Amino acid sequence: MTVREELHRIVDELPEEELADVRQFIDDLKTGSDGEESLSAETLAAIQEGLEDIKAGRTVSWEQVKRENGL
């Protein structure tokens, strides 16, 4: 049995509710995706803003965060 035939057999035996996950995995393999979702432009902008805050010294200590949140 070839690898292709074996894969067809495995997929045919999977429960219907698992097929969407398998399809997504195969799509990721085809596109070279590492399985991680892409970040939106808004999220990337927020990350950049955070990095700029760090560089400018606009930070608070972990101890201060815990104190302010009653932890």
C-alpha atoms as a PDB file:
ATOM      1  CA  MET A   1       0.000   0.000   0.000  1.00  0.00           C
ATOM      2  CA  THR A   2       1.361   3.429  -0.909  1.00  0.00           C
ATOM      3  CA  VAL A   3       1.519   6.325   1.523  1.00  0.00           C
ATOM      4  CA  ARG A   4      -1.289   8.049  -0.397  1.00  0.00           C
ATOM      5  CA  GLU A   5      -3.478   4.952  -0.134  1.00  0.00           C
ATOM      6  CA  GLU A   6      -2.714   4.628   3.573  1.00  0.00           C
ATOM      7  CA  LEU A   7      -3.633   8.263   4.161  1.00  0.00           C
ATOM      8  CA  HIS A   8      -6.899   7.810   2.272  1.00  0.00           C
ATOM      9  CA  ARG A   9      -7.684   4.792   4.456  1.00  0.00           C
ATOM     10  CA  ILE A  10      -6.928   6.704   7.651  1.00  0.00           C
ATOM     11  CA  VAL A  11      -9.049   9.690   6.607  1.00  0.00           C
ATOM     12  CA  ASP A  12     -11.916   7.412   5.611  1.00  0.00           C
ATOM     13  CA  GLU A  13     -11.883   5.905   9.111  1.00  0.00           C
ATOM     14  CA  LEU A  14     -11.909   9.236  10.974  1.00  0.00           C
ATOM     15  CA  PRO A  15     -15.084  10.455  12.649  1.00  0.00           C
ATOM     16  CA  GLU A  16     -16.816  13.214  10.679  1.00  0.00           C
ATOM     17  CA  GLU A  17     -16.250  15.771  13.470  1.00  0.00           C
ATOM     18  CA  GLU A  18     -12.443  15.456  13.129  1.00  0.00           C
ATOM     19  CA  LEU A  19     -12.278  16.044   9.377  1.00  0.00           C
ATOM     20  CA  ALA A  20     -12.266  19.863   9.584  1.00  0.00           C
ATOM     21  CA  ASP A  21      -9.139  19.737  11.773  1.00  0.00           C
ATOM     22  CA  VAL A  22      -7.449  17.360   9.343  1.00  0.00           C
ATOM     23  CA  ARG A  23      -8.297  19.608   6.416  1.00  0.00           C
ATOM     24  CA  GLN A  24      -6.864  22.646   8.241  1.00  0.00           C
ATOM     25  CA  PHE A  25      -3.679  20.726   9.023  1.00  0.00           C
ATOM     26  CA  ILE A  26      -3.294  19.690   5.374  1.00  0.00           C
ATOM     27  CA  ASP A  27      -3.952  23.259   4.214  1.00  0.00           C
ATOM     28  CA  ASP A  28      -1.257  24.480   6.625  1.00  0.00           C
ATOM     29  CA  LEU A  29       1.186  21.923   5.222  1.00  0.00           C
ATOM     30  CA  LYS A  30       0.440  23.016   1.667  1.00  0.00           C
ATOM     31  CA  THR A  31       0.929  26.714   2.421  1.00  0.00           C
ATOM     32  CA  GLY A  32       3.947  26.263   4.654  1.00  0.00           C
ATOM     33  CA  SER A  33       2.126  27.608   7.681  1.00  0.00           C
ATOM     34  CA  ASP A  34       3.546  26.598  11.029  1.00  0.00           C
ATOM     35  CA  GLY A  35       0.066  26.217  12.463  1.00  0.00           C
ATOM     36  CA  GLU A  36       0.033  29.576  14.149  1.00  0.00           C
ATOM     37  CA  GLU A  37      -2.595  32.073  13.206  1.00  0.00           C
ATOM     38  CA  SER A  38      -1.538  35.329  11.581  1.00  0.00           C
ATOM     39  CA  LEU A  39      -1.759  38.410  13.726  1.00  0.00           C
ATOM     40  CA  SER A  40      -4.115  41.187  12.697  1.00  0.00           C
ATOM     41  CA  ALA A  41      -2.795  44.626  11.809  1.00  0.00           C
ATOM     42  CA  GLU A  42      -4.394  45.926  15.008  1.00  0.00           C
ATOM     43  CA  THR A  43      -2.589  43.339  17.135  1.00  0.00           C
ATOM     44  CA  LEU A  44       0.729  44.028  15.424  1.00  0.00           C
ATOM     45  CA  ALA A  45       0.267  47.761  16.058  1.00  0.00           C
ATOM     46  CA  ALA A  46      -0.463  47.097  19.738  1.00  0.00           C
ATOM     47  CA  ILE A  47       2.673  44.975  20.034  1.00  0.00           C
ATOM     48  CA  GLN A  48       4.741  47.693  18.380  1.00  0.00           C
ATOM     49  CA  GLU A  49       3.294  50.292  20.740  1.00  0.00           C
ATOM     50  CA  GLY A  50       4.175  48.102  23.708  1.00  0.00           C
ATOM     51  CA  LEU A  51       7.741  47.661  22.496  1.00  0.00           C
ATOM     52  CA  GLU A  52       8.077  51.425  22.081  1.00  0.00           C
ATOM     53  CA  ASP A  53       6.747  51.919  25.631  1.00  0.00           C
ATOM     54  CA  ILE A  54       9.395  49.535  26.950  1.00  0.00           C
ATOM     55  CA  LYS A  55      12.175  51.334  25.071  1.00  0.00           C
ATOM     56  CA  ALA A  56      10.946  54.671  26.445  1.00  0.00           C
ATOM     57  CA  GLY A  57      10.852  53.326  29.991  1.00  0.00           C
ATOM     58  CA  ARG A  58       7.073  53.491  30.299  1.00  0.00           C
ATOM     59  CA  THR A  59       6.761  50.318  32.360  1.00  0.00           C
ATOM     60  CA  VAL A  60       5.688  49.174  35.810  1.00  0.00           C
ATOM     61  CA  SER A  61       7.211  46.412  37.893  1.00  0.00           C
ATOM     62  CA  TRP A  62       5.555  43.048  38.382  1.00  0.00           C
ATOM     63  CA  GLU A  63       5.407  43.848  42.100  1.00  0.00           C
ATOM     64  CA  GLN A  64       3.458  47.044  41.361  1.00  0.00           C
ATOM     65  CA  VAL A  65       1.008  45.173  39.111  1.00  0.00           C
ATOM     66  CA  LYS A  66       0.399  42.588  41.831  1.00  0.00           C
ATOM     67  CA  ARG A  67      -0.043  45.280  44.476  1.00  0.00           C
ATOM     68  CA  GLU A  68      -2.494  47.275  42.335  1.00  0.00           C
ATOM     69  CA  ASN A  69      -4.531  44.138  41.582  1.00  0.00           C
ATOM     70  CA  GLY A  70      -4.549  42.771  45.115  1.00  0.00           C
ATOM     71  CA  LEU A  71      -2.402  39.768  44.297  1.00  0.00           C
END
